[in-house]
Amino acid sequence: MAVEAKIAPSMLSSDFANLASEAERMLNCGADWLHMDIMDGHFVPNLTIGAPVIESLRKHTKAYLDCHLMVTNPLDYVEAMGKAGASGFTFHVEVSKENWQELVQKIKLNGMRPGVALKPGTPIEEVYPLVEGENPVEMVLVMTVEPGFGGQKFMPNMMDKVRALRSRYPSLDIEVDGGLGPSTIDVAASAGANCIVAGSSVFGAPEPAQVISLMRTSVEKASKSN
């Protein structure tokens, strides 16, 4: 079963003072989702945005807001993110081993799509129970850099995790985040990733639409041959 390509520009690389117009610009360039990085300054050293910014942006866009929560207590954020208008809520497996069932249930009850993310040092096996559980997550995000800061180099060795997921779950949404761009997209797409988060490579490009289109084509070609 071919999975659908989803290109999600990372708004962390946008001009935060003009978030609404940056979001519109990305959608006009062909983006499927807008990736929002929520960091608490604790799980990762950086501090970014929270529910108030999601709520403000939601007033200006109908786009799918793909929210990645790099936070120590994701359960505390579910209700606020749901009310703010988040579309997807991706939490980290490293902080949710004891309560992921409750977390997934709460995410769905608050009208969002649950996803789970893992850091580069976390074995892929740790997310299997969350994909195979009674109330499963609907996306797995494989971090291809250490979470916390934009502009890092892509880690190609993370593709083994993507391959393992794709062979086990042919129709799962598999997202990659970190260092994705024209020079790394083919490796990620052929490993089986279909949801692509890209920050600097899109926002820093003279023609973001061309970069988005190139990445989409790469995922579509790979998913036909996988």
Protein backbone atom coordinates (compact mmCIF):
# COMPACT_ATOMS: atom_id res chain seq x y z
CA MET A 1 0.00 0.00 0.00
CA ALA A 2 1.49 3.32 -1.05
CA VAL A 3 1.61 5.93 1.71
CA GLU A 4 0.87 9.56 1.00
CA ALA A 5 3.66 12.13 0.88
CA LYS A 6 3.30 14.91 3.44
CA ILE A 7 5.75 17.78 3.31
CA ALA A 8 5.82 19.78 6.55
CA PRO A 9 7.94 22.93 6.62
CA SER A 10 9.26 23.48 10.14
CA MET A 11 7.96 26.82 11.33
CA LEU A 12 10.89 27.02 13.76
CA SER A 13 12.87 28.26 10.73
CA SER A 14 10.28 30.89 9.80
CA ASP A 15 10.12 34.55 10.76
CA PHE A 16 8.22 34.25 14.05
CA ALA A 17 7.23 37.92 13.93
CA ASN A 18 5.24 37.14 10.77
CA LEU A 19 4.03 33.64 11.55
CA ALA A 20 0.62 33.92 9.83
CA SER A 21 2.05 35.21 6.55
CA GLU A 22 4.90 32.68 6.69
CA ALA A 23 2.34 29.89 7.16
CA GLU A 24 0.35 31.14 4.18
CA ARG A 25 3.51 31.43 2.08
CA MET A 26 4.43 27.79 2.83
CA LEU A 27 0.94 26.55 1.95
CA ASN A 28 1.06 28.52 -1.31
CA CYS A 29 4.40 26.83 -1.99
CA GLY A 30 2.73 23.42 -1.73
CA ALA A 31 3.20 22.41 1.92
CA ASP A 32 0.78 19.75 3.20
CA TRP A 33 1.33 20.33 6.91
CA LEU A 34 2.94 22.99 9.08
CA HIS A 35 5.34 21.51 11.63
CA MET A 36 5.30 23.25 15.01
CA ASP A 37 8.09 22.60 17.54
CA ILE A 38 6.97 22.93 21.14
CA MET A 39 9.98 22.81 23.50
CA ASP A 40 9.84 23.27 27.26
CA GLY A 41 13.46 24.19 28.04
CA HIS A 42 13.64 21.01 30.16
CA PHE A 43 13.30 17.90 27.95
CA VAL A 44 15.43 19.87 25.48
CA PRO A 45 17.54 22.91 26.38
CA ASN A 46 15.71 25.28 24.02
CA LEU A 47 12.43 27.09 24.77
CA THR A 48 10.16 27.85 21.81
CA ILE A 49 6.39 28.18 21.61
CA GLY A 50 3.33 26.83 23.36
CA ALA A 51 -0.45 26.68 23.05
CA PRO A 52 -0.99 30.50 22.88
CA VAL A 53 1.01 30.72 19.64
CA ILE A 54 -0.82 27.71 18.15
CA GLU A 55 -4.11 29.38 19.08
CA SER A 56 -3.06 32.66 17.44
CA LEU A 57 -1.90 30.92 14.27
CA ARG A 58 -5.08 28.81 14.08
CA LYS A 59 -7.11 32.02 13.68
CA HIS A 60 -5.23 32.65 10.42
CA THR A 61 -5.03 29.21 8.85
CA LYS A 62 -7.02 26.00 8.29
CA ALA A 63 -3.78 24.06 7.76
CA TYR A 64 -2.90 20.81 9.50
CA LEU A 65 -0.74 21.88 12.45
CA ASP A 66 1.66 19.02 13.07
CA CYS A 67 2.79 19.65 16.67
CA HIS A 68 5.91 17.95 18.02
CA LEU A 69 6.10 18.20 21.80
CA MET A 70 9.65 18.06 23.11
CA VAL A 71 8.43 18.29 26.69
CA THR A 72 8.92 16.33 29.90
CA ASN A 73 5.21 16.08 30.82
CA PRO A 74 3.21 15.78 27.58
CA LEU A 75 0.01 14.87 29.46
CA ASP A 76 -0.07 18.40 30.90
CA TYR A 77 -0.23 19.92 27.41
CA VAL A 78 -2.96 17.83 25.76
CA GLU A 79 -6.02 19.82 26.75
CA ALA A 80 -4.46 23.23 26.04
CA MET A 81 -3.13 22.09 22.65
CA GLY A 82 -6.51 20.63 21.70
CA LYS A 83 -8.28 23.86 22.62
CA ALA A 84 -5.66 25.91 20.76
CA GLY A 85 -6.39 24.03 17.53
CA ALA A 86 -3.45 21.64 17.14
CA SER A 87 -4.12 18.91 14.55
CA GLY A 88 -1.46 16.37 15.43
CA PHE A 89 0.11 15.82 18.87
CA THR A 90 3.42 13.95 18.79
CA PHE A 91 4.98 13.13 22.16
CA HIS A 92 8.33 11.52 23.01
CA VAL A 93 8.48 7.85 23.93
CA GLU A 94 11.35 8.57 26.36
CA VAL A 95 9.00 10.39 28.75
CA SER A 96 5.84 8.33 28.19
CA LYS A 97 6.73 4.71 28.89
CA GLU A 98 4.44 4.51 31.91
CA ASN A 99 1.39 6.43 30.66
CA TRP A 100 1.29 6.30 26.86
CA GLN A 101 -2.10 4.53 26.77
CA GLU A 102 -3.70 7.32 28.79
CA LEU A 103 -1.88 9.92 26.72
CA VAL A 104 -3.05 8.51 23.36
CA GLN A 105 -6.62 8.28 24.61
CA LYS A 106 -6.56 11.86 25.87
CA ILE A 107 -5.05 13.15 22.61
CA LYS A 108 -7.87 11.52 20.62
CA LEU A 109 -10.53 12.76 23.03
CA ASN A 110 -9.23 16.28 22.48
CA GLY A 111 -9.63 15.93 18.71
CA MET A 112 -5.99 15.46 17.74
CA ARG A 113 -4.06 12.73 15.94
CA PRO A 114 -1.53 10.95 18.19
CA GLY A 115 2.07 10.39 17.16
CA VAL A 116 5.18 9.23 18.97
CA ALA A 117 8.74 10.52 18.48
CA LEU A 118 12.09 9.06 19.43
CA LYS A 119 15.51 10.60 19.87
CA PRO A 120 18.52 9.27 17.90
CA GLY A 121 19.78 7.28 20.90
CA THR A 122 16.47 5.49 21.53
CA PRO A 123 16.07 1.97 20.05
CA ILE A 124 13.24 1.66 17.53
CA GLU A 125 11.80 -1.34 19.41
CA GLU A 126 10.58 1.04 22.11
CA VAL A 127 7.82 2.41 19.86
CA TYR A 128 6.49 -0.95 18.64
CA PRO A 129 4.04 -1.41 21.55
CA LEU A 130 2.60 2.05 20.84
CA VAL A 131 1.93 1.21 17.19
CA GLU A 132 0.59 -2.26 17.98
CA GLY A 133 -1.44 -1.38 21.09
CA GLU A 134 -5.22 -1.48 21.39
CA ASN A 135 -5.34 2.31 21.07
CA PRO A 136 -2.35 2.93 18.79
CA VAL A 137 -0.46 6.05 17.74
CA GLU A 138 -1.01 6.95 14.07
CA MET A 139 2.46 8.26 13.25
CA VAL A 140 6.06 7.63 14.31
CA LEU A 141 8.56 10.48 14.13
CA VAL A 142 12.17 9.36 13.78
CA MET A 143 14.46 12.22 14.82
CA THR A 144 17.38 12.44 12.41
CA VAL A 145 19.16 15.01 14.63
CA GLU A 146 19.23 15.53 18.39
CA PRO A 147 16.00 17.41 19.18
CA GLY A 148 16.19 20.97 20.45
CA PHE A 149 17.79 23.10 17.76
CA GLY A 150 17.32 23.70 14.03
CA GLY A 151 20.05 23.63 11.39
CA GLN A 152 21.81 20.39 12.45
CA LYS A 153 23.28 17.78 10.11
CA PHE A 154 21.17 14.78 9.03
CA MET A 155 22.15 11.44 10.62
CA PRO A 156 21.98 8.81 7.83
CA ASN A 157 22.36 5.92 10.32
CA MET A 158 18.83 6.70 11.58
CA MET A 159 17.49 5.27 8.32
CA ASP A 160 17.80 1.75 9.76
CA LYS A 161 14.99 2.73 12.15
CA VAL A 162 12.85 3.98 9.26
CA ARG A 163 13.46 0.77 7.28
CA ALA A 164 12.56 -1.37 10.30
CA LEU A 165 9.30 0.55 10.77
CA ARG A 166 8.36 0.46 7.08
CA SER A 167 8.91 -3.28 6.72
CA ARG A 168 6.85 -3.94 9.85
CA TYR A 169 4.07 -1.37 9.18
CA PRO A 170 3.51 -0.86 5.42
CA SER A 171 0.76 1.77 5.82
CA LEU A 172 2.07 3.71 8.84
CA ASP A 173 2.86 7.41 8.57
CA ILE A 174 6.60 7.63 9.22
CA GLU A 175 7.97 11.12 9.74
CA VAL A 176 11.61 12.24 9.71
CA ASP A 177 12.85 15.51 11.17
CA GLY A 178 16.31 17.04 11.11
CA GLY A 179 18.65 17.98 8.29
CA LEU A 180 16.18 17.07 5.53
CA GLY A 181 16.60 18.81 2.18
CA PRO A 182 17.43 18.15 -1.49
CA SER A 183 20.68 16.34 -0.63
CA THR A 184 19.17 13.97 1.97
CA ILE A 185 15.59 13.42 0.84
CA ASP A 186 16.27 10.42 -1.43
CA VAL A 187 17.94 8.46 1.38
CA ALA A 188 15.00 9.13 3.70
CA ALA A 189 12.34 8.45 1.08
CA SER A 190 13.90 5.18 -0.10
CA ALA A 191 14.13 4.02 3.54
CA GLY A 192 10.35 4.46 3.74
CA ALA A 193 9.72 7.91 5.26
CA ASN A 194 6.62 9.63 3.85
CA CYS A 195 6.18 12.65 6.17
CA ILE A 196 9.07 15.04 5.74
CA VAL A 197 9.86 17.89 8.11
CA ALA A 198 12.19 20.47 6.59
CA GLY A 199 13.24 23.78 8.08
CA SER A 200 16.34 25.60 6.85
CA SER A 201 16.33 23.81 3.47
CA VAL A 202 12.86 25.21 2.67
CA PHE A 203 12.94 28.59 4.38
CA GLY A 204 16.50 29.28 3.26
CA ALA A 205 15.82 28.41 -0.38
CA PRO A 206 15.40 31.11 -3.05
CA GLU A 207 12.40 29.07 -4.31
CA PRO A 208 10.81 27.11 -1.43
CA ALA A 209 8.13 25.72 -3.79
CA GLN A 210 10.81 23.94 -5.83
CA VAL A 211 12.31 22.31 -2.73
CA ILE A 212 8.87 21.17 -1.51
CA SER A 213 8.04 19.78 -4.95
CA LEU A 214 11.39 17.96 -5.23
CA MET A 215 10.88 16.32 -1.82
CA ARG A 216 7.32 15.28 -2.67
CA THR A 217 8.46 13.70 -5.95
CA SER A 218 11.20 11.78 -4.14
CA VAL A 219 8.71 10.33 -1.59
CA GLU A 220 6.17 9.46 -4.30
CA LYS A 221 8.77 7.68 -6.45
CA ALA A 222 10.11 5.72 -3.49
CA SER A 223 6.70 4.72 -2.20
CA LYS A 224 5.80 3.27 -5.62
CA SER A 225 8.95 1.16 -5.68
CA ASN A 226 8.91 0.08 -2.00
